[in-house]
Amino acid sequence: MIHNIPKPELSPNFTIDDIHKIREWYNERLKDATVEERLADIRRQAEPGIKEIEARRNSVLQPAPPELSGKN
């Protein structure tokens, strides 16, 4: 079971204490989760990043328009 715990408040300067807060929050959220629940949570959180990477990769792989490619 994944616990619904509010995210910790972080300082504007992002210190080592903030890193400890995030790690404690994450461990507390997942302390009773099964392996399957943990993997599902990781995949759910990773989905927007994966989509962003794919979109950027696809935009780089598109050929440049003729006016930008230097081939007239």
PDB file of N, CA and C in Angstrom:
ATOM      1  N   MET A   1       0.835  -1.181   0.000  1.00  0.00           N
ATOM      2  CA  MET A   1       0.000   0.000   0.000  1.00  0.00           C
ATOM      3  C   MET A   1       0.880   1.244   0.000  1.00  0.00           C
ATOM      4  N   ILE A   2       0.574   2.138  -0.910  1.00  0.00           N
ATOM      5  CA  ILE A   2       1.319   3.397  -0.988  1.00  0.00           C
ATOM      6  C   ILE A   2       0.556   4.443  -0.188  1.00  0.00           C
ATOM      7  N   HIS A   3       1.239   5.048   0.770  1.00  0.00           N
ATOM      8  CA  HIS A   3       0.614   6.040   1.647  1.00  0.00           C
ATOM      9  C   HIS A   3       0.558   7.397   0.962  1.00  0.00           C
ATOM     10  N   ASN A   4      -0.550   8.089   1.152  1.00  0.00           N
ATOM     11  CA  ASN A   4      -0.718   9.429   0.584  1.00  0.00           C
ATOM     12  C   ASN A   4      -0.244  10.452   1.608  1.00  0.00           C
ATOM     13  N   ILE A   5       1.033  10.757   1.567  1.00  0.00           N
ATOM     14  CA  ILE A   5       1.659  11.685   2.506  1.00  0.00           C
ATOM     15  C   ILE A   5       2.029  12.953   1.735  1.00  0.00           C
ATOM     16  N   PRO A   6       1.685  14.125   2.263  1.00  0.00           N
ATOM     17  CA  PRO A   6       2.027  15.363   1.541  1.00  0.00           C
ATOM     18  C   PRO A   6       3.542  15.519   1.371  1.00  0.00           C
ATOM     19  N   LYS A   7       3.919  16.102   0.245  1.00  0.00           N
ATOM     20  CA  LYS A   7       5.340  16.333  -0.021  1.00  0.00           C
ATOM     21  C   LYS A   7       5.902  17.302   1.013  1.00  0.00           C
ATOM     22  N   PRO A   8       7.183  17.137   1.365  1.00  0.00           N
ATOM     23  CA  PRO A   8       7.793  18.029   2.358  1.00  0.00           C
ATOM     24  C   PRO A   8       8.016  19.432   1.806  1.00  0.00           C
ATOM     25  N   GLU A   9       8.052  20.388   2.713  1.00  0.00           N
ATOM     26  CA  GLU A   9       8.388  21.773   2.350  1.00  0.00           C
ATOM     27  C   GLU A   9       9.904  21.852   2.159  1.00  0.00           C
ATOM     28  N   LEU A  10      10.327  22.422   1.045  1.00  0.00           N
ATOM     29  CA  LEU A  10      11.752  22.545   0.761  1.00  0.00           C
ATOM     30  C   LEU A  10      12.184  24.000   0.885  1.00  0.00           C
ATOM     31  N   SER A  11      13.429  24.176   1.273  1.00  0.00           N
ATOM     32  CA  SER A  11      13.948  25.541   1.419  1.00  0.00           C
ATOM     33  C   SER A  11      14.256  26.140   0.054  1.00  0.00           C
ATOM     34  N   PRO A  12      14.273  27.448  -0.073  1.00  0.00           N
ATOM     35  CA  PRO A  12      14.562  28.091  -1.357  1.00  0.00           C
ATOM     36  C   PRO A  12      15.974  27.799  -1.864  1.00  0.00           C
ATOM     37  N   ASN A  13      16.899  27.458  -0.962  1.00  0.00           N
ATOM     38  CA  ASN A  13      18.292  27.213  -1.354  1.00  0.00           C
ATOM     39  C   ASN A  13      18.598  25.742  -1.614  1.00  0.00           C
ATOM     40  N   PHE A  14      17.629  24.849  -1.396  1.00  0.00           N
ATOM     41  CA  PHE A  14      17.770  23.407  -1.573  1.00  0.00           C
ATOM     42  C   PHE A  14      19.063  22.889  -0.934  1.00  0.00           C
ATOM     43  N   THR A  15      18.967  22.583   0.335  1.00  0.00           N
ATOM     44  CA  THR A  15      20.115  22.153   1.130  1.00  0.00           C
ATOM     45  C   THR A  15      20.134  20.634   1.288  1.00  0.00           C
ATOM     46  N   ILE A  16      21.147  20.135   1.935  1.00  0.00           N
ATOM     47  CA  ILE A  16      21.257  18.704   2.219  1.00  0.00           C
ATOM     48  C   ILE A  16      20.081  18.251   3.091  1.00  0.00           C
ATOM     49  N   ASP A  17      19.596  19.140   3.953  1.00  0.00           N
ATOM     50  CA  ASP A  17      18.420  18.801   4.772  1.00  0.00           C
ATOM     51  C   ASP A  17      17.199  18.539   3.898  1.00  0.00           C
ATOM     52  N   ASP A  18      17.083  19.254   2.798  1.00  0.00           N
ATOM     53  CA  ASP A  18      15.980  19.031   1.867  1.00  0.00           C
ATOM     54  C   ASP A  18      16.079  17.643   1.242  1.00  0.00           C
ATOM     55  N   ILE A  19      17.278  17.239   0.899  1.00  0.00           N
ATOM     56  CA  ILE A  19      17.491  15.901   0.336  1.00  0.00           C
ATOM     57  C   ILE A  19      17.065  14.848   1.354  1.00  0.00           C
ATOM     58  N   HIS A  20      17.426  15.046   2.619  1.00  0.00           N
ATOM     59  CA  HIS A  20      17.030  14.104   3.674  1.00  0.00           C
ATOM     60  C   HIS A  20      15.509  14.070   3.826  1.00  0.00           C
ATOM     61  N   LYS A  21      14.866  15.232   3.751  1.00  0.00           N
ATOM     62  CA  LYS A  21      13.409  15.291   3.847  1.00  0.00           C
ATOM     63  C   LYS A  21      12.746  14.512   2.720  1.00  0.00           C
ATOM     64  N   ILE A  22      13.267  14.676   1.506  1.00  0.00           N
ATOM     65  CA  ILE A  22      12.703  13.983   0.346  1.00  0.00           C
ATOM     66  C   ILE A  22      12.878  12.478   0.495  1.00  0.00           C
ATOM     67  N   ARG A  23      14.049  12.051   0.918  1.00  0.00           N
ATOM     68  CA  ARG A  23      14.291  10.618   1.091  1.00  0.00           C
ATOM     69  C   ARG A  23      13.400  10.030   2.173  1.00  0.00           C
ATOM     70  N   GLU A  24      13.246  10.742   3.292  1.00  0.00           N
ATOM     71  CA  GLU A  24      12.361  10.268   4.368  1.00  0.00           C
ATOM     72  C   GLU A  24      10.926  10.182   3.889  1.00  0.00           C
ATOM     73  N   TRP A  25      10.472  11.220   3.149  1.00  0.00           N
ATOM     74  CA  TRP A  25       9.114  11.240   2.613  1.00  0.00           C
ATOM     75  C   TRP A  25       8.889  10.048   1.682  1.00  0.00           C
ATOM     76  N   TYR A  26       9.826   9.831   0.777  1.00  0.00           N
ATOM     77  CA  TYR A  26       9.692   8.749  -0.194  1.00  0.00           C
ATOM     78  C   TYR A  26       9.674   7.391   0.494  1.00  0.00           C
ATOM     79  N   ASN A  27      10.571   7.189   1.461  1.00  0.00           N
ATOM     80  CA  ASN A  27      10.614   5.921   2.191  1.00  0.00           C
ATOM     81  C   ASN A  27       9.343   5.703   2.997  1.00  0.00           C
ATOM     82  N   GLU A  28       8.831   6.748   3.602  1.00  0.00           N
ATOM     83  CA  GLU A  28       7.595   6.643   4.389  1.00  0.00           C
ATOM     84  C   GLU A  28       6.407   6.311   3.479  1.00  0.00           C
ATOM     85  N   ARG A  29       6.362   6.925   2.312  1.00  0.00           N
ATOM     86  CA  ARG A  29       5.282   6.658   1.349  1.00  0.00           C
ATOM     87  C   ARG A  29       5.234   5.200   0.954  1.00  0.00           C
ATOM     88  N   LEU A  30       6.411   4.607   0.742  1.00  0.00           N
ATOM     89  CA  LEU A  30       6.476   3.265   0.171  1.00  0.00           C
ATOM     90  C   LEU A  30       6.798   2.161   1.174  1.00  0.00           C
ATOM     91  N   LYS A  31       6.785   2.469   2.457  1.00  0.00           N
ATOM     92  CA  LYS A  31       7.243   1.482   3.441  1.00  0.00           C
ATOM     93  C   LYS A  31       6.412   0.205   3.451  1.00  0.00           C
ATOM     94  N   ASP A  32       5.121   0.271   3.147  1.00  0.00           N
ATOM     95  CA  ASP A  32       4.268  -0.917   3.161  1.00  0.00           C
ATOM     96  C   ASP A  32       3.898  -1.389   1.754  1.00  0.00           C
ATOM     97  N   ALA A  33       4.520  -0.827   0.737  1.00  0.00           N
ATOM     98  CA  ALA A  33       4.178  -1.172  -0.643  1.00  0.00           C
ATOM     99  C   ALA A  33       4.856  -2.472  -1.065  1.00  0.00           C
ATOM    100  N   THR A  34       4.150  -3.230  -1.892  1.00  0.00           N
ATOM    101  CA  THR A  34       4.735  -4.438  -2.466  1.00  0.00           C
ATOM    102  C   THR A  34       5.677  -4.033  -3.593  1.00  0.00           C
ATOM    103  N   VAL A  35       6.446  -4.984  -4.082  1.00  0.00           N
ATOM    104  CA  VAL A  35       7.354  -4.716  -5.190  1.00  0.00           C
ATOM    105  C   VAL A  35       6.562  -4.259  -6.412  1.00  0.00           C
ATOM    106  N   GLU A  36       5.442  -4.903  -6.669  1.00  0.00           N
ATOM    107  CA  GLU A  36       4.614  -4.539  -7.823  1.00  0.00           C
ATOM    108  C   GLU A  36       4.088  -3.109  -7.684  1.00  0.00           C
ATOM    109  N   GLU A  37       3.671  -2.727  -6.481  1.00  0.00           N
ATOM    110  CA  GLU A  37       3.179  -1.367  -6.248  1.00  0.00           C
ATOM    111  C   GLU A  37       4.296  -0.345  -6.426  1.00  0.00           C
ATOM    112  N   ARG A  38       5.488  -0.674  -5.951  1.00  0.00           N
ATOM    113  CA  ARG A  38       6.621   0.232  -6.106  1.00  0.00           C
ATOM    114  C   ARG A  38       6.958   0.438  -7.578  1.00  0.00           C
ATOM    115  N   LEU A  39       6.993  -0.656  -8.341  1.00  0.00           N
ATOM    116  CA  LEU A  39       7.300  -0.550  -9.767  1.00  0.00           C
ATOM    117  C   LEU A  39       6.226   0.245 -10.503  1.00  0.00           C
ATOM    118  N   ALA A  40       4.959   0.011 -10.175  1.00  0.00           N
ATOM    119  CA  ALA A  40       3.871   0.756 -10.806  1.00  0.00           C
ATOM    120  C   ALA A  40       3.989   2.243 -10.485  1.00  0.00           C
ATOM    121  N   ASP A  41       4.350   2.581  -9.254  1.00  0.00           N
ATOM    122  CA  ASP A  41       4.516   3.978  -8.853  1.00  0.00           C
ATOM    123  C   ASP A  41       5.672   4.628  -9.602  1.00  0.00           C
ATOM    124  N   ILE A  42       6.773   3.919  -9.727  1.00  0.00           N
ATOM    125  CA  ILE A  42       7.940   4.440 -10.450  1.00  0.00           C
ATOM    126  C   ILE A  42       7.592   4.664 -11.908  1.00  0.00           C
ATOM    127  N   ARG A  43       6.920   3.699 -12.518  1.00  0.00           N
ATOM    128  CA  ARG A  43       6.548   3.837 -13.936  1.00  0.00           C
ATOM    129  C   ARG A  43       5.577   4.989 -14.138  1.00  0.00           C
ATOM    130  N   ARG A  44       4.621   5.147 -13.233  1.00  0.00           N
ATOM    131  CA  ARG A  44       3.648   6.238 -13.338  1.00  0.00           C
ATOM    132  C   ARG A  44       4.353   7.591 -13.255  1.00  0.00           C
ATOM    133  N   GLN A  45       5.301   7.710 -12.330  1.00  0.00           N
ATOM    134  CA  GLN A  45       6.020   8.979 -12.184  1.00  0.00           C
ATOM    135  C   GLN A  45       6.982   9.233 -13.341  1.00  0.00           C
ATOM    136  N   ALA A  46       7.488   8.176 -13.951  1.00  0.00           N
ATOM    137  CA  ALA A  46       8.452   8.322 -15.041  1.00  0.00           C
ATOM    138  C   ALA A  46       7.780   8.633 -16.373  1.00  0.00           C
ATOM    139  N   GLU A  47       6.495   8.346 -16.494  1.00  0.00           N
ATOM    140  CA  GLU A  47       5.804   8.483 -17.779  1.00  0.00           C
ATOM    141  C   GLU A  47       5.934   9.872 -18.414  1.00  0.00           C
ATOM    142  N   PRO A  48       5.709  10.980 -17.683  1.00  0.00           N
ATOM    143  CA  PRO A  48       5.860  12.296 -18.317  1.00  0.00           C
ATOM    144  C   PRO A  48       7.288  12.545 -18.822  1.00  0.00           C
ATOM    145  N   GLY A  49       8.274  12.094 -18.076  1.00  0.00           N
ATOM    146  CA  GLY A  49       9.664  12.271 -18.497  1.00  0.00           C
ATOM    147  C   GLY A  49       9.993  11.460 -19.733  1.00  0.00           C
ATOM    148  N   ILE A  50       9.470  10.245 -19.801  1.00  0.00           N
ATOM    149  CA  ILE A  50       9.688   9.390 -20.969  1.00  0.00           C
ATOM    150  C   ILE A  50       9.051  10.029 -22.199  1.00  0.00           C
ATOM    151  N   LYS A  51       7.838  10.561 -22.041  1.00  0.00           N
ATOM    152  CA  LYS A  51       7.169  11.223 -23.165  1.00  0.00           C
ATOM    153  C   LYS A  51       7.962  12.446 -23.631  1.00  0.00           C
ATOM    154  N   GLU A  52       8.503  13.201 -22.689  1.00  0.00           N
ATOM    155  CA  GLU A  52       9.304  14.387 -23.034  1.00  0.00           C
ATOM    156  C   GLU A  52      10.564  13.981 -23.799  1.00  0.00           C
ATOM    157  N   ILE A  53      11.227  12.941 -23.347  1.00  0.00           N
ATOM    158  CA  ILE A  53      12.434  12.456 -24.026  1.00  0.00           C
ATOM    159  C   ILE A  53      12.103  12.009 -25.441  1.00  0.00           C
ATOM    160  N   GLU A  54      11.010  11.254 -25.593  1.00  0.00           N
ATOM    161  CA  GLU A  54      10.621  10.780 -26.920  1.00  0.00           C
ATOM    162  C   GLU A  54      10.280  11.946 -27.844  1.00  0.00           C
ATOM    163  N   ALA A  55       9.572  12.948 -27.318  1.00  0.00           N
ATOM    164  CA  ALA A  55       9.212  14.111 -28.132  1.00  0.00           C
ATOM    165  C   ALA A  55      10.462  14.856 -28.588  1.00  0.00           C
ATOM    166  N   ARG A  56      11.407  15.036 -27.694  1.00  0.00           N
ATOM    167  CA  ARG A  56      12.640  15.740 -28.063  1.00  0.00           C
ATOM    168  C   ARG A  56      13.472  14.917 -29.037  1.00  0.00           C
ATOM    169  N   ARG A  57      13.519  13.606 -28.807  1.00  0.00           N
ATOM    170  CA  ARG A  57      14.267  12.736 -29.702  1.00  0.00           C
ATOM    171  C   ARG A  57      13.660  12.785 -31.098  1.00  0.00           C
ATOM    172  N   ASN A  58      12.338  12.742 -31.179  1.00  0.00           N
ATOM    173  CA  ASN A  58      11.665  12.796 -32.482  1.00  0.00           C
ATOM    174  C   ASN A  58      11.868  14.138 -33.163  1.00  0.00           C
ATOM    175  N   SER A  59      11.889  15.224 -32.395  1.00  0.00           N
ATOM    176  CA  SER A  59      12.083  16.537 -33.011  1.00  0.00           C
ATOM    177  C   SER A  59      13.502  16.683 -33.547  1.00  0.00           C
ATOM    178  N   VAL A  60      14.462  16.054 -32.918  1.00  0.00           N
ATOM    179  CA  VAL A  60      15.846  16.114 -33.381  1.00  0.00           C
ATOM    180  C   VAL A  60      16.010  15.264 -34.631  1.00  0.00           C
ATOM    181  N   LEU A  61      15.275  14.160 -34.718  1.00  0.00           N
ATOM    182  CA  LEU A  61      15.423  13.253 -35.840  1.00  0.00           C
ATOM    183  C   LEU A  61      14.695  13.717 -37.101  1.00  0.00           C
ATOM    184  N   GLN A  62      13.853  14.729 -36.974  1.00  0.00           N
ATOM    185  CA  GLN A  62      13.147  15.254 -38.140  1.00  0.00           C
ATOM    186  C   GLN A  62      14.131  16.020 -39.019  1.00  0.00           C
ATOM    187  N   PRO A  63      14.056  15.827 -40.335  1.00  0.00           N
ATOM    188  CA  PRO A  63      14.947  16.586 -41.203  1.00  0.00           C
ATOM    189  C   PRO A  63      14.630  18.076 -41.135  1.00  0.00           C
ATOM    190  N   ALA A  64      15.637  18.873 -41.262  1.00  0.00           N
ATOM    191  CA  ALA A  64      15.468  20.330 -41.209  1.00  0.00           C
ATOM    192  C   ALA A  64      14.732  20.785 -42.468  1.00  0.00           C
ATOM    193  N   PRO A  65      13.903  21.817 -42.338  1.00  0.00           N
ATOM    194  CA  PRO A  65      13.252  22.353 -43.531  1.00  0.00           C
ATOM    195  C   PRO A  65      14.310  22.876 -44.503  1.00  0.00           C
ATOM    196  N   PRO A  66      14.003  22.867 -45.812  1.00  0.00           N
ATOM    197  CA  PRO A  66      15.010  23.278 -46.819  1.00  0.00           C
ATOM    198  C   PRO A  66      15.611  24.650 -46.546  1.00  0.00           C
ATOM    199  N   GLU A  67      14.820  25.585 -46.040  1.00  0.00           N
ATOM    200  CA  GLU A  67      15.367  26.927 -45.817  1.00  0.00           C
ATOM    201  C   GLU A  67      16.386  26.957 -44.670  1.00  0.00           C
ATOM    202  N   LEU A  68      16.353  25.946 -43.801  1.00  0.00           N
ATOM    203  CA  LEU A  68      17.312  25.905 -42.688  1.00  0.00           C
ATOM    204  C   LEU A  68      18.456  24.935 -42.949  1.00  0.00           C
ATOM    205  N   SER A  69      18.287  24.035 -43.895  1.00  0.00           N
ATOM    206  CA  SER A  69      19.298  23.008 -44.109  1.00  0.00           C
ATOM    207  C   SER A  69      20.477  23.501 -44.958  1.00  0.00           C
ATOM    208  N   GLY A  70      20.321  24.645 -45.633  1.00  0.00           N
ATOM    209  CA  GLY A  70      21.395  25.157 -46.475  1.00  0.00           C
ATOM    210  C   GLY A  70      21.387  24.536 -47.860  1.00  0.00           C
ATOM    211  N   LYS A  71      20.416  23.655 -48.113  1.00  0.00           N
ATOM    212  CA  LYS A  71      20.315  23.013 -49.429  1.00  0.00           C
ATOM    213  C   LYS A  71      19.209  23.704 -50.204  1.00  0.00           C
ATOM    214  N   ASN A  72      19.593  24.517 -51.150  1.00  0.00           N
ATOM    215  CA  ASN A  72      18.598  25.236 -51.964  1.00  0.00           C
ATOM    216  C   ASN A  72      18.514  24.680 -53.342  1.00  0.00           C
TER     217      ASN A  72
END
